[in-house]
């Protein structure tokens, strides 16, 4: 069973690029480090996995 979505279900990759308000989808979720991240599309989920530093950037955007 997955944990509640991080960032209130917003697309984690969009947040990592500085964009807020982009809805993620439960169908495109990724469980990582005990957290569940939602993404708006397959490409965003793929980029989250291969580009370094996405989690930190998303958290920074979310906090601002």
PDB file of N, CA and C in Angstrom:
ATOM      1  N   UNK A   1       0.854  -1.186   0.000  1.00  0.00           N
ATOM      2  CA  UNK A   1       0.000   0.000   0.000  1.00  0.00           C
ATOM      3  C   UNK A   1       0.892   1.240   0.000  1.00  0.00           C
ATOM      4  N   UNK A   2       0.569   2.194  -0.826  1.00  0.00           N
ATOM      5  CA  UNK A   2       1.393   3.397  -0.920  1.00  0.00           C
ATOM      6  C   UNK A   2       0.977   4.422   0.127  1.00  0.00           C
ATOM      7  N   UNK A   3       1.900   5.290   0.444  1.00  0.00           N
ATOM      8  CA  UNK A   3       1.654   6.350   1.412  1.00  0.00           C
ATOM      9  C   UNK A   3       0.898   7.492   0.732  1.00  0.00           C
ATOM     10  N   UNK A   4       0.386   8.435   1.524  1.00  0.00           N
ATOM     11  CA  UNK A   4      -0.292   9.593   0.901  1.00  0.00           C
ATOM     12  C   UNK A   4       0.646  10.328  -0.053  1.00  0.00           C
ATOM     13  N   UNK A   5       0.079  10.916  -1.063  1.00  0.00           N
ATOM     14  CA  UNK A   5       0.884  11.601  -2.079  1.00  0.00           C
ATOM     15  C   UNK A   5       1.579  12.827  -1.506  1.00  0.00           C
ATOM     16  N   UNK A   6       2.830  12.974  -1.883  1.00  0.00           N
ATOM     17  CA  UNK A   6       3.577  14.179  -1.536  1.00  0.00           C
ATOM     18  C   UNK A   6       3.004  15.355  -2.327  1.00  0.00           C
ATOM     19  N   UNK A   7       3.192  16.550  -1.835  1.00  0.00           N
ATOM     20  CA  UNK A   7       2.824  17.794  -2.528  1.00  0.00           C
ATOM     21  C   UNK A   7       1.332  17.855  -2.869  1.00  0.00           C
ATOM     22  N   UNK A   8       0.495  17.275  -1.992  1.00  0.00           N
ATOM     23  CA  UNK A   8      -0.963  17.292  -2.202  1.00  0.00           C
ATOM     24  C   UNK A   8      -1.371  16.780  -3.577  1.00  0.00           C
ATOM     25  N   UNK A   9      -0.604  15.844  -4.121  1.00  0.00           N
ATOM     26  CA  UNK A   9      -0.959  15.235  -5.398  1.00  0.00           C
ATOM     27  C   UNK A   9      -0.572  16.028  -6.625  1.00  0.00           C
ATOM     28  N   UNK A  10       0.147  17.137  -6.435  1.00  0.00           N
ATOM     29  CA  UNK A  10       0.612  17.892  -7.595  1.00  0.00           C
ATOM     30  C   UNK A  10       1.747  17.129  -8.273  1.00  0.00           C
ATOM     31  N   UNK A  11       1.968  17.420  -9.536  1.00  0.00           N
ATOM     32  CA  UNK A  11       3.030  16.767 -10.292  1.00  0.00           C
ATOM     33  C   UNK A  11       4.390  17.143  -9.695  1.00  0.00           C
ATOM     34  N   UNK A  12       5.096  16.130  -9.207  1.00  0.00           N
ATOM     35  CA  UNK A  12       6.393  16.370  -8.570  1.00  0.00           C
ATOM     36  C   UNK A  12       7.410  16.934  -9.555  1.00  0.00           C
ATOM     37  N   UNK A  13       7.383  16.463 -10.797  1.00  0.00           N
ATOM     38  CA  UNK A  13       8.350  16.977 -11.763  1.00  0.00           C
ATOM     39  C   UNK A  13       8.071  18.447 -12.084  1.00  0.00           C
ATOM     40  N   UNK A  14       6.817  18.802 -12.248  1.00  0.00           N
ATOM     41  CA  UNK A  14       6.476  20.208 -12.511  1.00  0.00           C
ATOM     42  C   UNK A  14       6.982  21.090 -11.376  1.00  0.00           C
ATOM     43  N   UNK A  15       6.794  20.638 -10.141  1.00  0.00           N
ATOM     44  CA  UNK A  15       7.302  21.401  -8.996  1.00  0.00           C
ATOM     45  C   UNK A  15       8.816  21.543  -9.067  1.00  0.00           C
ATOM     46  N   UNK A  16       9.492  20.502  -9.544  1.00  0.00           N
ATOM     47  CA  UNK A  16      10.957  20.563  -9.612  1.00  0.00           C
ATOM     48  C   UNK A  16      11.443  21.538 -10.673  1.00  0.00           C
ATOM     49  N   UNK A  17      10.540  21.990 -11.541  1.00  0.00           N
ATOM     50  CA  UNK A  17      10.894  22.998 -12.545  1.00  0.00           C
ATOM     51  C   UNK A  17      10.355  24.373 -12.166  1.00  0.00           C
ATOM     52  N   UNK A  18       9.771  24.474 -10.950  1.00  0.00           N
ATOM     53  CA  UNK A  18       9.282  25.754 -10.465  1.00  0.00           C
ATOM     54  C   UNK A  18       7.817  26.028 -10.728  1.00  0.00           C
ATOM     55  N   UNK A  19       7.090  25.039 -11.252  1.00  0.00           N
ATOM     56  CA  UNK A  19       5.674  25.235 -11.586  1.00  0.00           C
ATOM     57  C   UNK A  19       4.780  24.601 -10.529  1.00  0.00           C
ATOM     58  N   UNK A  20       3.864  25.401  -9.982  1.00  0.00           N
ATOM     59  CA  UNK A  20       2.885  24.897  -9.024  1.00  0.00           C
ATOM     60  C   UNK A  20       1.528  24.768  -9.718  1.00  0.00           C
ATOM     61  N   UNK A  21       0.665  23.933  -9.156  1.00  0.00           N
ATOM     62  CA  UNK A  21      -0.699  23.823  -9.641  1.00  0.00           C
ATOM     63  C   UNK A  21      -0.905  22.850 -10.795  1.00  0.00           C
ATOM     64  N   UNK A  22       0.090  22.015 -11.084  1.00  0.00           N
ATOM     65  CA  UNK A  22      -0.056  21.007 -12.136  1.00  0.00           C
ATOM     66  C   UNK A  22      -0.469  19.710 -11.452  1.00  0.00           C
ATOM     67  N   UNK A  23      -1.677  19.243 -11.734  1.00  0.00           N
ATOM     68  CA  UNK A  23      -2.182  18.032 -11.087  1.00  0.00           C
ATOM     69  C   UNK A  23      -1.429  16.792 -11.537  1.00  0.00           C
ATOM     70  N   UNK A  24      -1.150  15.932 -10.578  1.00  0.00           N
ATOM     71  CA  UNK A  24      -0.576  14.631 -10.866  1.00  0.00           C
ATOM     72  C   UNK A  24      -1.668  13.591 -10.890  1.00  0.00           C
ATOM     73  N   UNK A  25      -1.318  12.388 -11.292  1.00  0.00           N
ATOM     74  CA  UNK A  25      -2.274  11.295 -11.398  1.00  0.00           C
ATOM     75  C   UNK A  25      -1.818  10.121 -10.549  1.00  0.00           C
ATOM     76  N   UNK A  26      -2.760   9.527  -9.824  1.00  0.00           N
ATOM     77  CA  UNK A  26      -2.459   8.341  -9.026  1.00  0.00           C
ATOM     78  C   UNK A  26      -1.960   7.214  -9.931  1.00  0.00           C
ATOM     79  N   UNK A  27      -2.464   7.158 -11.154  1.00  0.00           N
ATOM     80  CA  UNK A  27      -2.051   6.127 -12.112  1.00  0.00           C
ATOM     81  C   UNK A  27      -0.599   6.295 -12.550  1.00  0.00           C
ATOM     82  N   UNK A  28      -0.028   7.469 -12.341  1.00  0.00           N
ATOM     83  CA  UNK A  28       1.356   7.747 -12.726  1.00  0.00           C
ATOM     84  C   UNK A  28       2.227   7.990 -11.493  1.00  0.00           C
ATOM     85  N   UNK A  29       1.894   7.323 -10.405  1.00  0.00           N
ATOM     86  CA  UNK A  29       2.633   7.540  -9.164  1.00  0.00           C
ATOM     87  C   UNK A  29       3.928   6.738  -9.141  1.00  0.00           C
ATOM     88  N   UNK A  30       4.817   7.166  -8.260  1.00  0.00           N
ATOM     89  CA  UNK A  30       6.106   6.508  -8.064  1.00  0.00           C
ATOM     90  C   UNK A  30       6.399   6.514  -6.573  1.00  0.00           C
ATOM     91  N   UNK A  31       6.650   5.334  -6.005  1.00  0.00           N
ATOM     92  CA  UNK A  31       7.047   5.229  -4.603  1.00  0.00           C
ATOM     93  C   UNK A  31       8.562   5.273  -4.534  1.00  0.00           C
ATOM     94  N   UNK A  32       9.074   6.239  -3.782  1.00  0.00           N
ATOM     95  CA  UNK A  32      10.525   6.440  -3.696  1.00  0.00           C
ATOM     96  C   UNK A  32      10.868   6.937  -2.299  1.00  0.00           C
ATOM     97  N   UNK A  33      11.806   6.280  -1.658  1.00  0.00           N
ATOM     98  CA  UNK A  33      12.269   6.682  -0.326  1.00  0.00           C
ATOM     99  C   UNK A  33      11.121   6.799   0.678  1.00  0.00           C
ATOM    100  N   UNK A  34      10.151   5.901   0.597  1.00  0.00           N
ATOM    101  CA  UNK A  34       9.032   5.901   1.527  1.00  0.00           C
ATOM    102  C   UNK A  34       7.990   6.974   1.254  1.00  0.00           C
ATOM    103  N   UNK A  35       8.085   7.641   0.119  1.00  0.00           N
ATOM    104  CA  UNK A  35       7.133   8.689  -0.254  1.00  0.00           C
ATOM    105  C   UNK A  35       6.510   8.341  -1.601  1.00  0.00           C
ATOM    106  N   UNK A  36       5.296   8.829  -1.816  1.00  0.00           N
ATOM    107  CA  UNK A  36       4.612   8.600  -3.085  1.00  0.00           C
ATOM    108  C   UNK A  36       4.494   9.919  -3.831  1.00  0.00           C
ATOM    109  N   UNK A  37       5.037   9.940  -5.038  1.00  0.00           N
ATOM    110  CA  UNK A  37       5.005  11.132  -5.875  1.00  0.00           C
ATOM    111  C   UNK A  37       4.065  10.888  -7.045  1.00  0.00           C
ATOM    112  N   UNK A  38       3.292  11.908  -7.395  1.00  0.00           N
ATOM    113  CA  UNK A  38       2.384  11.840  -8.539  1.00  0.00           C
ATOM    114  C   UNK A  38       2.977  12.664  -9.676  1.00  0.00           C
ATOM    115  N   UNK A  39       2.661  12.249 -10.902  1.00  0.00           N
ATOM    116  CA  UNK A  39       3.159  12.918 -12.099  1.00  0.00           C
ATOM    117  C   UNK A  39       2.018  13.146 -13.076  1.00  0.00           C
ATOM    118  N   UNK A  40       2.156  14.168 -13.903  1.00  0.00           N
ATOM    119  CA  UNK A  40       1.098  14.522 -14.853  1.00  0.00           C
ATOM    120  C   UNK A  40       1.151  13.685 -16.126  1.00  0.00           C
ATOM    121  N   UNK A  41       2.316  13.089 -16.419  1.00  0.00           N
ATOM    122  CA  UNK A  41       2.445  12.255 -17.619  1.00  0.00           C
ATOM    123  C   UNK A  41       3.654  11.322 -17.470  1.00  0.00           C
ATOM    124  N   UNK A  42       3.749  10.358 -18.374  1.00  0.00           N
ATOM    125  CA  UNK A  42       4.833   9.365 -18.306  1.00  0.00           C
ATOM    126  C   UNK A  42       6.206  10.006 -18.462  1.00  0.00           C
ATOM    127  N   UNK A  43       6.305  11.002 -19.342  1.00  0.00           N
ATOM    128  CA  UNK A  43       7.585  11.653 -19.589  1.00  0.00           C
ATOM    129  C   UNK A  43       8.092  12.364 -18.336  1.00  0.00           C
ATOM    130  N   UNK A  44       7.193  13.018 -17.611  1.00  0.00           N
ATOM    131  CA  UNK A  44       7.572  13.697 -16.370  1.00  0.00           C
ATOM    132  C   UNK A  44       8.090  12.688 -15.347  1.00  0.00           C
ATOM    133  N   UNK A  45       7.423  11.550 -15.240  1.00  0.00           N
ATOM    134  CA  UNK A  45       7.868  10.516 -14.305  1.00  0.00           C
ATOM    135  C   UNK A  45       9.249   9.983 -14.705  1.00  0.00           C
ATOM    136  N   UNK A  46       9.459   9.768 -16.003  1.00  0.00           N
ATOM    137  CA  UNK A  46      10.744   9.294 -16.504  1.00  0.00           C
ATOM    138  C   UNK A  46      11.852  10.296 -16.180  1.00  0.00           C
ATOM    139  N   UNK A  47      11.613  11.575 -16.460  1.00  0.00           N
ATOM    140  CA  UNK A  47      12.629  12.593 -16.198  1.00  0.00           C
ATOM    141  C   UNK A  47      12.953  12.701 -14.712  1.00  0.00           C
ATOM    142  N   UNK A  48      11.939  12.539 -13.859  1.00  0.00           N
ATOM    143  CA  UNK A  48      12.155  12.565 -12.411  1.00  0.00           C
ATOM    144  C   UNK A  48      13.174  11.501 -12.019  1.00  0.00           C
ATOM    145  N   UNK A  49      13.069  10.335 -12.655  1.00  0.00           N
ATOM    146  CA  UNK A  49      13.959   9.223 -12.317  1.00  0.00           C
ATOM    147  C   UNK A  49      15.382   9.418 -12.836  1.00  0.00           C
ATOM    148  N   UNK A  50      15.554  10.075 -13.984  1.00  0.00           N
ATOM    149  CA  UNK A  50      16.889  10.133 -14.600  1.00  0.00           C
ATOM    150  C   UNK A  50      17.650  11.443 -14.366  1.00  0.00           C
ATOM    151  N   UNK A  51      16.962  12.514 -14.066  1.00  0.00           N
ATOM    152  CA  UNK A  51      17.643  13.789 -13.832  1.00  0.00           C
ATOM    153  C   UNK A  51      17.961  13.953 -12.344  1.00  0.00           C
ATOM    154  N   UNK A  52      19.176  14.305 -12.019  1.00  0.00           N
ATOM    155  CA  UNK A  52      19.554  14.443 -10.607  1.00  0.00           C
ATOM    156  C   UNK A  52      18.936  15.680  -9.948  1.00  0.00           C
ATOM    157  N   UNK A  53      18.687  15.563  -8.641  1.00  0.00           N
ATOM    158  CA  UNK A  53      18.277  16.717  -7.847  1.00  0.00           C
ATOM    159  C   UNK A  53      16.821  17.121  -7.952  1.00  0.00           C
ATOM    160  N   UNK A  54      16.006  16.313  -8.577  1.00  0.00           N
ATOM    161  CA  UNK A  54      14.594  16.691  -8.767  1.00  0.00           C
ATOM    162  C   UNK A  54      13.848  16.803  -7.441  1.00  0.00           C
ATOM    163  N   UNK A  55      14.069  15.866  -6.522  1.00  0.00           N
ATOM    164  CA  UNK A  55      13.348  15.877  -5.260  1.00  0.00           C
ATOM    165  C   UNK A  55      13.639  17.150  -4.473  1.00  0.00           C
ATOM    166  N   UNK A  56      14.895  17.522  -4.388  1.00  0.00           N
ATOM    167  CA  UNK A  56      15.270  18.723  -3.646  1.00  0.00           C
ATOM    168  C   UNK A  56      14.663  19.978  -4.278  1.00  0.00           C
ATOM    169  N   UNK A  57      14.673  20.043  -5.606  1.00  0.00           N
ATOM    170  CA  UNK A  57      14.107  21.204  -6.297  1.00  0.00           C
ATOM    171  C   UNK A  57      12.597  21.280  -6.100  1.00  0.00           C
ATOM    172  N   UNK A  58      11.928  20.121  -6.153  1.00  0.00           N
ATOM    173  CA  UNK A  58      10.481  20.106  -5.919  1.00  0.00           C
ATOM    174  C   UNK A  58      10.148  20.560  -4.505  1.00  0.00           C
ATOM    175  N   UNK A  59      10.910  20.069  -3.533  1.00  0.00           N
ATOM    176  CA  UNK A  59      10.673  20.463  -2.146  1.00  0.00           C
ATOM    177  C   UNK A  59      10.898  21.955  -1.943  1.00  0.00           C
ATOM    178  N   UNK A  60      11.885  22.515  -2.618  1.00  0.00           N
ATOM    179  CA  UNK A  60      12.153  23.935  -2.511  1.00  0.00           C
ATOM    180  C   UNK A  60      10.997  24.763  -3.089  1.00  0.00           C
ATOM    181  N   UNK A  61      10.499  24.364  -4.238  1.00  0.00           N
ATOM    182  CA  UNK A  61       9.360  25.060  -4.849  1.00  0.00           C
ATOM    183  C   UNK A  61       8.132  24.941  -3.967  1.00  0.00           C
ATOM    184  N   UNK A  62       7.894  23.771  -3.428  1.00  0.00           N
ATOM    185  CA  UNK A  62       6.728  23.533  -2.590  1.00  0.00           C
ATOM    186  C   UNK A  62       6.774  24.409  -1.337  1.00  0.00           C
ATOM    187  N   UNK A  63       7.953  24.594  -0.783  1.00  0.00           N
ATOM    188  CA  UNK A  63       8.111  25.379   0.448  1.00  0.00           C
ATOM    189  C   UNK A  63       7.975  26.884   0.215  1.00  0.00           C
ATOM    190  N   UNK A  64       8.147  27.325  -1.025  1.00  0.00           N
ATOM    191  CA  UNK A  64       8.112  28.771  -1.295  1.00  0.00           C
ATOM    192  C   UNK A  64       6.709  29.283  -1.560  1.00  0.00           C
TER     193      UNK A  64
END
